[in-house]
Amino acid sequence: MIPVFADASDWIALLYRRDQWHAKALEVSGVLGSRPLITTEWVLAEFLAFFSAAGEQARRHAAERARLIFDDPNIRVLSASEAPFLEGLALYESRLDKGYSLADCISMNVMWAEGIIEALTNDHHFTQEGFRILLQ
């Protein structure tokens, strides 16, 4: 079964009930069932950064969720390392006309390498590279 890539916007929407994508993220997660997920440590860094100024309780919940993500056997978290960073940087440099973040570029490279075409995200940048976003 081909995995789905999980972006920071999905992790945020699942945890933060007031996020405009919360209901859609829950719905899509239910539809996906046991399909495996892939994410990266860069994505989880973005997820945690989102909650960094939200107060102690929100930070605690975000940290707990990040640990649960690492412990979930259905989710593969790819480690931050030099090679994917430099590959992401190369894509970033080749798309200077786009608004892609470095984390987006690393994520897109992971998706190409893993043969993934669907992303749990609402980020339209992924559609610009031919991927299907599931939170829309």
N, C-alpha and C. Protein backbone atom coordinates (compact mmCIF):
# COMPACT_ATOMS: atom_id res chain seq x y z
N MET A 1 0.85 -1.17 0.00
CA MET A 1 0.00 0.00 0.00
C MET A 1 0.90 1.24 0.00
N ILE A 2 0.63 2.16 -0.93
CA ILE A 2 1.43 3.37 -1.04
C ILE A 2 1.09 4.31 0.12
N PRO A 3 2.14 4.78 0.82
CA PRO A 3 1.87 5.68 1.94
C PRO A 3 1.40 7.06 1.48
N VAL A 4 0.93 7.82 2.44
CA VAL A 4 0.53 9.21 2.25
C VAL A 4 1.53 10.05 3.03
N PHE A 5 1.90 11.19 2.47
CA PHE A 5 2.81 12.09 3.17
C PHE A 5 2.01 12.99 4.10
N ALA A 6 2.43 13.11 5.34
CA ALA A 6 1.75 13.95 6.32
C ALA A 6 2.57 15.22 6.56
N ASP A 7 2.00 16.35 6.21
CA ASP A 7 2.64 17.66 6.34
C ASP A 7 2.26 18.30 7.67
N ALA A 8 2.98 19.34 8.04
CA ALA A 8 2.73 20.04 9.31
C ALA A 8 1.30 20.54 9.41
N SER A 9 0.73 21.01 8.30
CA SER A 9 -0.64 21.55 8.37
C SER A 9 -1.64 20.49 8.81
N ASP A 10 -1.39 19.23 8.46
CA ASP A 10 -2.27 18.15 8.91
C ASP A 10 -2.10 17.90 10.40
N TRP A 11 -0.86 17.79 10.86
CA TRP A 11 -0.62 17.56 12.29
C TRP A 11 -1.21 18.70 13.13
N ILE A 12 -1.06 19.92 12.64
CA ILE A 12 -1.61 21.08 13.35
C ILE A 12 -3.14 20.98 13.39
N ALA A 13 -3.74 20.73 12.25
CA ALA A 13 -5.21 20.68 12.17
C ALA A 13 -5.77 19.57 13.05
N LEU A 14 -5.09 18.44 13.13
CA LEU A 14 -5.59 17.35 13.97
C LEU A 14 -5.55 17.70 15.45
N LEU A 15 -4.55 18.46 15.87
CA LEU A 15 -4.40 18.79 17.29
C LEU A 15 -5.17 20.03 17.70
N TYR A 16 -5.22 21.02 16.82
CA TYR A 16 -5.76 22.34 17.17
C TYR A 16 -7.21 22.42 16.70
N ARG A 17 -8.15 22.27 17.62
CA ARG A 17 -9.58 22.20 17.28
C ARG A 17 -10.10 23.45 16.60
N ARG A 18 -9.47 24.59 16.84
CA ARG A 18 -9.94 25.84 16.22
C ARG A 18 -9.34 26.07 14.84
N ASP A 19 -8.48 25.20 14.41
CA ASP A 19 -7.92 25.31 13.06
C ASP A 19 -9.03 25.13 12.03
N GLN A 20 -9.03 25.94 11.00
CA GLN A 20 -10.09 25.86 9.98
C GLN A 20 -10.12 24.50 9.27
N TRP A 21 -9.04 23.75 9.32
CA TRP A 21 -8.95 22.45 8.65
C TRP A 21 -9.17 21.28 9.60
N HIS A 22 -9.49 21.54 10.86
CA HIS A 22 -9.62 20.48 11.86
C HIS A 22 -10.62 19.39 11.43
N ALA A 23 -11.83 19.78 11.08
CA ALA A 23 -12.86 18.79 10.71
C ALA A 23 -12.45 18.00 9.47
N LYS A 24 -11.89 18.68 8.50
CA LYS A 24 -11.47 18.00 7.27
C LYS A 24 -10.33 17.03 7.56
N ALA A 25 -9.38 17.42 8.40
CA ALA A 25 -8.27 16.54 8.75
C ALA A 25 -8.78 15.28 9.45
N LEU A 26 -9.75 15.44 10.35
CA LEU A 26 -10.33 14.27 11.02
C LEU A 26 -11.05 13.37 10.02
N GLU A 27 -11.80 13.99 9.12
CA GLU A 27 -12.55 13.23 8.11
C GLU A 27 -11.60 12.43 7.22
N VAL A 28 -10.57 13.08 6.71
CA VAL A 28 -9.62 12.42 5.81
C VAL A 28 -8.88 11.31 6.55
N SER A 29 -8.50 11.56 7.79
CA SER A 29 -7.82 10.52 8.57
C SER A 29 -8.70 9.29 8.72
N GLY A 30 -9.99 9.51 8.92
CA GLY A 30 -10.92 8.39 9.02
C GLY A 30 -11.03 7.61 7.72
N VAL A 31 -11.03 8.32 6.61
CA VAL A 31 -11.12 7.66 5.30
C VAL A 31 -9.86 6.87 4.99
N LEU A 32 -8.71 7.40 5.38
CA LEU A 32 -7.44 6.73 5.10
C LEU A 32 -7.27 5.45 5.90
N GLY A 33 -7.90 5.42 7.06
CA GLY A 33 -7.83 4.22 7.89
C GLY A 33 -6.41 3.85 8.25
N SER A 34 -5.98 2.67 7.83
CA SER A 34 -4.66 2.16 8.21
C SER A 34 -3.59 2.38 7.15
N ARG A 35 -3.86 3.24 6.17
CA ARG A 35 -2.80 3.52 5.19
C ARG A 35 -1.59 4.07 5.91
N PRO A 36 -0.41 3.62 5.56
CA PRO A 36 0.79 4.12 6.24
C PRO A 36 1.06 5.58 5.90
N LEU A 37 1.67 6.27 6.85
CA LEU A 37 2.03 7.67 6.68
C LEU A 37 3.54 7.82 6.73
N ILE A 38 4.03 8.80 6.00
CA ILE A 38 5.43 9.21 6.08
C ILE A 38 5.45 10.69 6.36
N THR A 39 6.33 11.08 7.26
CA THR A 39 6.58 12.48 7.55
C THR A 39 8.07 12.63 7.81
N THR A 40 8.50 13.82 8.16
CA THR A 40 9.92 14.05 8.42
C THR A 40 10.10 14.81 9.73
N GLU A 41 11.30 14.77 10.22
CA GLU A 41 11.62 15.56 11.41
C GLU A 41 11.50 17.05 11.11
N TRP A 42 11.74 17.47 9.87
CA TRP A 42 11.57 18.88 9.50
C TRP A 42 10.10 19.28 9.63
N VAL A 43 9.21 18.40 9.18
CA VAL A 43 7.77 18.67 9.30
C VAL A 43 7.38 18.77 10.77
N LEU A 44 7.89 17.86 11.58
CA LEU A 44 7.56 17.91 13.01
C LEU A 44 8.15 19.15 13.68
N ALA A 45 9.27 19.62 13.20
CA ALA A 45 9.82 20.89 13.72
C ALA A 45 8.89 22.05 13.40
N GLU A 46 8.32 22.05 12.18
CA GLU A 46 7.34 23.09 11.83
C GLU A 46 6.09 22.98 12.71
N PHE A 47 5.63 21.76 12.91
CA PHE A 47 4.46 21.51 13.76
C PHE A 47 4.70 22.07 15.16
N LEU A 48 5.83 21.74 15.77
CA LEU A 48 6.13 22.23 17.12
C LEU A 48 6.33 23.73 17.14
N ALA A 49 6.92 24.29 16.09
CA ALA A 49 7.12 25.74 16.02
C ALA A 49 5.78 26.48 16.01
N PHE A 50 4.79 25.90 15.36
CA PHE A 50 3.46 26.51 15.32
C PHE A 50 2.92 26.76 16.73
N PHE A 51 3.16 25.82 17.62
CA PHE A 51 2.61 25.91 18.97
C PHE A 51 3.58 26.57 19.96
N SER A 52 4.71 27.04 19.49
CA SER A 52 5.75 27.54 20.40
C SER A 52 5.31 28.74 21.23
N ALA A 53 4.44 29.58 20.71
CA ALA A 53 4.00 30.76 21.45
C ALA A 53 2.57 30.62 21.97
N ALA A 54 2.04 29.41 21.96
CA ALA A 54 0.63 29.19 22.31
C ALA A 54 0.42 28.88 23.79
N GLY A 55 1.47 28.93 24.57
CA GLY A 55 1.32 28.68 25.99
C GLY A 55 1.74 27.27 26.39
N GLU A 56 1.91 27.12 27.68
CA GLU A 56 2.45 25.88 28.23
C GLU A 56 1.60 24.64 27.90
N GLN A 57 0.29 24.76 28.07
CA GLN A 57 -0.57 23.60 27.81
C GLN A 57 -0.52 23.18 26.34
N ALA A 58 -0.60 24.14 25.43
CA ALA A 58 -0.54 23.82 24.00
C ALA A 58 0.81 23.21 23.63
N ARG A 59 1.87 23.76 24.20
CA ARG A 59 3.22 23.21 23.93
C ARG A 59 3.32 21.77 24.45
N ARG A 60 2.75 21.51 25.62
CA ARG A 60 2.78 20.16 26.19
C ARG A 60 2.02 19.18 25.28
N HIS A 61 0.83 19.59 24.85
CA HIS A 61 0.04 18.72 23.96
C HIS A 61 0.77 18.47 22.64
N ALA A 62 1.39 19.49 22.10
CA ALA A 62 2.13 19.33 20.84
C ALA A 62 3.31 18.38 21.02
N ALA A 63 4.03 18.53 22.12
CA ALA A 63 5.16 17.63 22.39
C ALA A 63 4.69 16.19 22.57
N GLU A 64 3.58 16.02 23.28
CA GLU A 64 3.02 14.68 23.45
C GLU A 64 2.63 14.08 22.11
N ARG A 65 2.00 14.90 21.25
CA ARG A 65 1.60 14.39 19.93
C ARG A 65 2.83 14.01 19.10
N ALA A 66 3.88 14.81 19.16
CA ALA A 66 5.10 14.49 18.41
C ALA A 66 5.67 13.15 18.88
N ARG A 67 5.67 12.92 20.18
CA ARG A 67 6.17 11.63 20.69
C ARG A 67 5.28 10.46 20.24
N LEU A 68 3.97 10.68 20.22
CA LEU A 68 3.06 9.64 19.75
C LEU A 68 3.28 9.33 18.27
N ILE A 69 3.58 10.36 17.49
CA ILE A 69 3.86 10.16 16.07
C ILE A 69 5.08 9.26 15.91
N PHE A 70 6.14 9.52 16.68
CA PHE A 70 7.34 8.69 16.62
C PHE A 70 7.07 7.25 17.05
N ASP A 71 6.16 7.07 17.99
CA ASP A 71 5.88 5.74 18.52
C ASP A 71 4.88 4.94 17.69
N ASP A 72 4.19 5.59 16.77
CA ASP A 72 3.15 4.93 15.99
C ASP A 72 3.79 4.04 14.91
N PRO A 73 3.52 2.73 14.93
CA PRO A 73 4.13 1.83 13.94
C PRO A 73 3.62 2.06 12.52
N ASN A 74 2.53 2.81 12.38
CA ASN A 74 1.96 3.09 11.06
C ASN A 74 2.53 4.36 10.44
N ILE A 75 3.40 5.05 11.19
CA ILE A 75 3.99 6.30 10.72
C ILE A 75 5.50 6.17 10.69
N ARG A 76 6.07 6.45 9.53
CA ARG A 76 7.54 6.47 9.41
C ARG A 76 8.00 7.91 9.41
N VAL A 77 8.86 8.25 10.34
CA VAL A 77 9.41 9.60 10.45
C VAL A 77 10.84 9.55 9.93
N LEU A 78 11.08 10.26 8.83
CA LEU A 78 12.42 10.29 8.26
C LEU A 78 13.26 11.32 9.00
N SER A 79 14.48 10.92 9.30
CA SER A 79 15.38 11.75 10.10
C SER A 79 15.93 12.93 9.31
N ALA A 80 16.20 13.98 10.05
CA ALA A 80 16.87 15.15 9.48
C ALA A 80 18.35 14.79 9.32
N SER A 81 18.86 14.95 8.13
CA SER A 81 20.27 14.69 7.89
C SER A 81 20.74 15.58 6.74
N GLU A 82 22.03 15.57 6.52
CA GLU A 82 22.63 16.49 5.56
C GLU A 82 22.15 16.26 4.13
N ALA A 83 22.10 15.02 3.68
CA ALA A 83 21.75 14.75 2.27
C ALA A 83 20.36 15.27 1.91
N PRO A 84 19.31 14.91 2.66
CA PRO A 84 17.99 15.46 2.29
C PRO A 84 17.94 16.98 2.41
N PHE A 85 18.66 17.54 3.38
CA PHE A 85 18.70 18.99 3.52
C PHE A 85 19.28 19.62 2.26
N LEU A 86 20.41 19.10 1.78
CA LEU A 86 21.06 19.67 0.60
C LEU A 86 20.23 19.45 -0.66
N GLU A 87 19.55 18.31 -0.75
CA GLU A 87 18.66 18.07 -1.88
C GLU A 87 17.47 19.03 -1.85
N GLY A 88 16.94 19.28 -0.65
CA GLY A 88 15.87 20.26 -0.50
C GLY A 88 16.34 21.65 -0.84
N LEU A 89 17.53 21.98 -0.43
CA LEU A 89 18.10 23.29 -0.75
C LEU A 89 18.26 23.46 -2.26
N ALA A 90 18.65 22.40 -2.96
CA ALA A 90 18.78 22.47 -4.41
C ALA A 90 17.42 22.73 -5.06
N LEU A 91 16.37 22.07 -4.60
CA LEU A 91 15.03 22.32 -5.13
C LEU A 91 14.60 23.74 -4.80
N TYR A 92 14.84 24.17 -3.60
CA TYR A 92 14.53 25.54 -3.18
C TYR A 92 15.19 26.55 -4.13
N GLU A 93 16.46 26.33 -4.42
CA GLU A 93 17.20 27.23 -5.32
C GLU A 93 16.68 27.18 -6.74
N SER A 94 16.14 26.03 -7.15
CA SER A 94 15.64 25.90 -8.52
C SER A 94 14.22 26.43 -8.68
N ARG A 95 13.57 26.78 -7.58
CA ARG A 95 12.19 27.28 -7.62
C ARG A 95 12.11 28.65 -6.94
N LEU A 96 13.04 29.52 -7.24
CA LEU A 96 13.08 30.84 -6.59
C LEU A 96 11.85 31.68 -6.90
N ASP A 97 11.14 31.34 -7.99
CA ASP A 97 9.92 32.06 -8.34
C ASP A 97 8.70 31.60 -7.54
N LYS A 98 8.86 30.56 -6.74
CA LYS A 98 7.77 30.00 -5.94
C LYS A 98 7.91 30.45 -4.49
N GLY A 99 6.90 30.21 -3.70
CA GLY A 99 6.92 30.54 -2.29
C GLY A 99 7.18 29.34 -1.41
N TYR A 100 7.88 28.34 -1.95
CA TYR A 100 8.13 27.12 -1.21
C TYR A 100 9.06 27.36 -0.02
N SER A 101 8.73 26.76 1.11
CA SER A 101 9.67 26.77 2.23
C SER A 101 10.68 25.65 2.00
N LEU A 102 11.77 25.70 2.73
CA LEU A 102 12.76 24.63 2.64
C LEU A 102 12.12 23.30 3.08
N ALA A 103 11.30 23.34 4.12
CA ALA A 103 10.63 22.10 4.56
C ALA A 103 9.72 21.55 3.45
N ASP A 104 9.04 22.42 2.72
CA ASP A 104 8.23 21.96 1.58
C ASP A 104 9.11 21.25 0.56
N CYS A 105 10.25 21.84 0.26
CA CYS A 105 11.15 21.26 -0.76
C CYS A 105 11.67 19.91 -0.31
N ILE A 106 12.03 19.79 0.96
CA ILE A 106 12.48 18.50 1.48
C ILE A 106 11.33 17.49 1.41
N SER A 107 10.14 17.92 1.77
CA SER A 107 8.97 17.03 1.73
C SER A 107 8.69 16.56 0.32
N MET A 108 8.75 17.47 -0.64
CA MET A 108 8.49 17.09 -2.04
C MET A 108 9.53 16.09 -2.52
N ASN A 109 10.78 16.29 -2.17
CA ASN A 109 11.81 15.33 -2.56
C ASN A 109 11.56 13.96 -1.95
N VAL A 110 11.13 13.94 -0.69
CA VAL A 110 10.80 12.68 -0.04
C VAL A 110 9.66 12.00 -0.79
N MET A 111 8.65 12.77 -1.15
CA MET A 111 7.50 12.20 -1.86
C MET A 111 7.92 11.60 -3.20
N TRP A 112 8.75 12.32 -3.96
CA TRP A 112 9.24 11.77 -5.23
C TRP A 112 10.03 10.49 -4.99
N ALA A 113 10.93 10.50 -4.01
CA ALA A 113 11.77 9.34 -3.74
C ALA A 113 10.96 8.13 -3.30
N GLU A 114 9.87 8.36 -2.58
CA GLU A 114 9.04 7.27 -2.05
C GLU A 114 7.89 6.89 -2.98
N GLY A 115 7.73 7.60 -4.10
CA GLY A 115 6.64 7.32 -5.03
C GLY A 115 5.28 7.74 -4.49
N ILE A 116 5.26 8.73 -3.62
CA ILE A 116 4.02 9.20 -3.00
C ILE A 116 3.42 10.33 -3.84
N ILE A 117 2.12 10.25 -4.10
CA ILE A 117 1.47 11.31 -4.88
C ILE A 117 0.46 12.11 -4.06
N GLU A 118 0.10 11.62 -2.86
CA GLU A 118 -0.90 12.28 -2.03
C GLU A 118 -0.28 12.82 -0.75
N ALA A 119 -0.70 14.04 -0.41
CA ALA A 119 -0.19 14.67 0.80
C ALA A 119 -1.33 15.14 1.69
N LEU A 120 -1.20 14.85 2.96
CA LEU A 120 -2.12 15.39 3.96
C LEU A 120 -1.66 16.81 4.25
N THR A 121 -2.16 17.73 3.46
CA THR A 121 -1.80 19.13 3.57
C THR A 121 -2.88 19.97 2.91
N ASN A 122 -2.86 21.25 3.20
CA ASN A 122 -3.71 22.20 2.48
C ASN A 122 -2.84 23.17 1.69
N ASP A 123 -1.55 22.89 1.63
CA ASP A 123 -0.56 23.76 0.99
C ASP A 123 -0.60 23.57 -0.53
N HIS A 124 -1.06 24.61 -1.23
CA HIS A 124 -1.19 24.52 -2.69
C HIS A 124 0.15 24.38 -3.40
N HIS A 125 1.25 24.64 -2.73
CA HIS A 125 2.56 24.48 -3.37
C HIS A 125 2.77 23.04 -3.84
N PHE A 126 2.19 22.10 -3.13
CA PHE A 126 2.36 20.70 -3.52
C PHE A 126 1.67 20.42 -4.85
N THR A 127 0.55 21.07 -5.10
CA THR A 127 -0.13 20.86 -6.39
C THR A 127 0.70 21.43 -7.54
N GLN A 128 1.48 22.47 -7.26
CA GLN A 128 2.32 23.06 -8.31
C GLN A 128 3.38 22.08 -8.79
N GLU A 129 3.67 21.07 -7.99
CA GLU A 129 4.66 20.05 -8.37
C GLU A 129 4.00 18.74 -8.76
N GLY A 130 2.66 18.76 -8.92
CA GLY A 130 1.96 17.58 -9.42
C GLY A 130 1.41 16.64 -8.37
N PHE A 131 1.50 17.01 -7.11
CA PHE A 131 0.97 16.17 -6.04
C PHE A 131 -0.50 16.48 -5.79
N ARG A 132 -1.18 15.54 -5.20
CA ARG A 132 -2.60 15.71 -4.83
C ARG A 132 -2.68 16.03 -3.35
N ILE A 133 -3.28 17.17 -3.02
CA ILE A 133 -3.45 17.51 -1.60
C ILE A 133 -4.82 17.03 -1.13
N LEU A 134 -4.86 16.49 0.08
CA LEU A 134 -6.08 15.88 0.59
C LEU A 134 -6.89 16.78 1.50
N LEU A 135 -6.33 17.89 1.93
CA LEU A 135 -7.08 18.83 2.77
C LEU A 135 -7.45 20.03 1.92
N GLN A 136 -8.58 19.91 1.26
CA GLN A 136 -9.05 21.03 0.42
C GLN A 136 -10.55 21.13 0.47
